[in-house]
Amino acid sequence: RYKNGMITGVELMDAELAFTQAQTNYSNALNDYVIAIAKLEKATASKLDQRFGGK
């Protein structure tokens, strides 16, 4: 859309920033999830996959 003149350079930069922020938020959420799983496994002294019938 930028190459076709449908959006401005500022709009392109805003979209790129929003994308980068979304990637960062996703990465942080995954990290928080892994930490929460580890804490839960430590608190219950078992692996979650064992508690829920996993391998």
N, C-alpha and C. Protein backbone atom coordinates (compact mmCIF):
# COMPACT_ATOMS: atom_id res chain seq x y z
N ARG A 1 0.83 -1.19 0.00
CA ARG A 1 0.00 0.00 0.00
C ARG A 1 0.87 1.25 0.00
N TYR A 2 2.01 1.20 0.70
CA TYR A 2 2.91 2.35 0.73
C TYR A 2 3.48 2.60 -0.66
N LYS A 3 3.92 1.53 -1.33
CA LYS A 3 4.50 1.66 -2.67
C LYS A 3 3.50 2.22 -3.67
N ASN A 4 2.23 1.93 -3.45
CA ASN A 4 1.18 2.43 -4.35
C ASN A 4 0.67 3.80 -3.95
N GLY A 5 1.24 4.38 -2.90
CA GLY A 5 0.83 5.71 -2.46
C GLY A 5 -0.48 5.74 -1.70
N MET A 6 -0.90 4.58 -1.22
CA MET A 6 -2.19 4.52 -0.52
C MET A 6 -2.06 4.91 0.95
N ILE A 7 -0.84 4.84 1.51
CA ILE A 7 -0.61 5.28 2.88
C ILE A 7 0.67 6.12 2.90
N THR A 8 0.80 6.94 3.93
CA THR A 8 1.98 7.80 4.06
C THR A 8 3.11 7.05 4.75
N GLY A 9 4.28 7.66 4.71
CA GLY A 9 5.43 7.10 5.41
C GLY A 9 5.18 7.02 6.91
N VAL A 10 4.49 8.02 7.44
CA VAL A 10 4.17 8.03 8.88
C VAL A 10 3.24 6.86 9.21
N GLU A 11 2.25 6.62 8.37
CA GLU A 11 1.34 5.50 8.61
C GLU A 11 2.09 4.16 8.54
N LEU A 12 3.02 4.07 7.61
CA LEU A 12 3.83 2.86 7.50
C LEU A 12 4.65 2.65 8.76
N MET A 13 5.30 3.71 9.23
CA MET A 13 6.11 3.60 10.45
C MET A 13 5.24 3.26 11.65
N ASP A 14 4.05 3.84 11.74
CA ASP A 14 3.13 3.52 12.83
C ASP A 14 2.75 2.04 12.80
N ALA A 15 2.48 1.53 11.60
CA ALA A 15 2.11 0.12 11.47
C ALA A 15 3.28 -0.79 11.84
N GLU A 16 4.48 -0.42 11.42
CA GLU A 16 5.66 -1.21 11.76
C GLU A 16 5.91 -1.20 13.27
N LEU A 17 5.71 -0.05 13.90
CA LEU A 17 5.87 0.05 15.35
C LEU A 17 4.84 -0.81 16.06
N ALA A 18 3.59 -0.75 15.60
CA ALA A 18 2.53 -1.56 16.21
C ALA A 18 2.85 -3.04 16.07
N PHE A 19 3.37 -3.44 14.92
CA PHE A 19 3.74 -4.83 14.69
C PHE A 19 4.85 -5.26 15.63
N THR A 20 5.87 -4.43 15.76
CA THR A 20 6.99 -4.74 16.65
C THR A 20 6.53 -4.83 18.10
N GLN A 21 5.64 -3.93 18.50
CA GLN A 21 5.10 -3.97 19.86
C GLN A 21 4.29 -5.23 20.09
N ALA A 22 3.52 -5.64 19.09
CA ALA A 22 2.74 -6.87 19.20
C ALA A 22 3.65 -8.08 19.33
N GLN A 23 4.73 -8.11 18.57
CA GLN A 23 5.69 -9.21 18.67
C GLN A 23 6.32 -9.25 20.06
N THR A 24 6.67 -8.09 20.59
CA THR A 24 7.25 -8.01 21.93
C THR A 24 6.26 -8.48 22.97
N ASN A 25 5.02 -8.04 22.87
CA ASN A 25 3.98 -8.45 23.81
C ASN A 25 3.76 -9.96 23.76
N TYR A 26 3.77 -10.51 22.57
CA TYR A 26 3.60 -11.96 22.40
C TYR A 26 4.75 -12.72 23.06
N SER A 27 5.95 -12.26 22.81
CA SER A 27 7.14 -12.88 23.40
C SER A 27 7.09 -12.81 24.92
N ASN A 28 6.71 -11.66 25.45
CA ASN A 28 6.60 -11.50 26.90
C ASN A 28 5.52 -12.41 27.48
N ALA A 29 4.41 -12.55 26.76
CA ALA A 29 3.33 -13.42 27.23
C ALA A 29 3.78 -14.88 27.26
N LEU A 30 4.50 -15.30 26.23
CA LEU A 30 5.02 -16.67 26.22
C LEU A 30 5.98 -16.90 27.38
N ASN A 31 6.83 -15.92 27.62
CA ASN A 31 7.78 -16.02 28.73
C ASN A 31 7.04 -16.12 30.06
N ASP A 32 6.04 -15.28 30.26
CA ASP A 32 5.24 -15.31 31.48
C ASP A 32 4.54 -16.66 31.65
N TYR A 33 4.05 -17.22 30.53
CA TYR A 33 3.38 -18.51 30.56
C TYR A 33 4.33 -19.62 31.01
N VAL A 34 5.53 -19.63 30.43
CA VAL A 34 6.52 -20.66 30.79
C VAL A 34 6.89 -20.55 32.26
N ILE A 35 7.07 -19.33 32.74
CA ILE A 35 7.40 -19.12 34.15
C ILE A 35 6.25 -19.59 35.05
N ALA A 36 5.02 -19.28 34.66
CA ALA A 36 3.86 -19.69 35.45
C ALA A 36 3.75 -21.21 35.50
N ILE A 37 4.00 -21.87 34.38
CA ILE A 37 3.97 -23.34 34.35
C ILE A 37 5.04 -23.90 35.29
N ALA A 38 6.24 -23.34 35.22
CA ALA A 38 7.33 -23.81 36.09
C ALA A 38 6.97 -23.63 37.56
N LYS A 39 6.38 -22.50 37.90
CA LYS A 39 5.98 -22.26 39.29
C LYS A 39 4.90 -23.22 39.73
N LEU A 40 3.95 -23.49 38.85
CA LEU A 40 2.88 -24.42 39.18
C LEU A 40 3.42 -25.83 39.36
N GLU A 41 4.33 -26.23 38.47
CA GLU A 41 4.93 -27.55 38.60
C GLU A 41 5.73 -27.66 39.90
N LYS A 42 6.43 -26.60 40.26
CA LYS A 42 7.19 -26.62 41.51
C LYS A 42 6.24 -26.70 42.70
N ALA A 43 5.16 -25.94 42.67
CA ALA A 43 4.21 -25.92 43.78
C ALA A 43 3.50 -27.25 43.95
N THR A 44 3.26 -27.95 42.85
CA THR A 44 2.54 -29.22 42.93
C THR A 44 3.47 -30.43 42.91
N ALA A 45 4.77 -30.16 42.77
CA ALA A 45 5.79 -31.22 42.71
C ALA A 45 5.48 -32.26 41.63
N SER A 46 4.94 -31.79 40.52
CA SER A 46 4.67 -32.70 39.40
C SER A 46 4.67 -31.91 38.09
N LYS A 47 4.89 -32.65 37.02
CA LYS A 47 4.84 -32.04 35.69
C LYS A 47 3.38 -31.94 35.26
N LEU A 48 3.03 -30.86 34.60
CA LEU A 48 1.64 -30.68 34.19
C LEU A 48 1.19 -31.75 33.21
N ASP A 49 2.06 -32.17 32.30
CA ASP A 49 1.64 -33.20 31.35
C ASP A 49 1.32 -34.51 32.06
N GLN A 50 1.97 -34.78 33.19
CA GLN A 50 1.66 -35.98 33.96
C GLN A 50 0.33 -35.82 34.69
N ARG A 51 0.05 -34.62 35.14
CA ARG A 51 -1.20 -34.38 35.89
C ARG A 51 -2.41 -34.46 34.98
N PHE A 52 -2.23 -34.15 33.70
CA PHE A 52 -3.36 -34.11 32.78
C PHE A 52 -3.31 -35.22 31.73
N GLY A 53 -2.61 -36.29 32.05
CA GLY A 53 -2.62 -37.46 31.19
C GLY A 53 -1.71 -37.38 29.98
N GLY A 54 -0.75 -36.47 30.00
CA GLY A 54 0.18 -36.36 28.88
C GLY A 54 1.28 -37.40 28.97
N LYS A 55 2.20 -37.29 28.04
CA LYS A 55 3.31 -38.25 27.99
C LYS A 55 4.36 -37.95 29.02
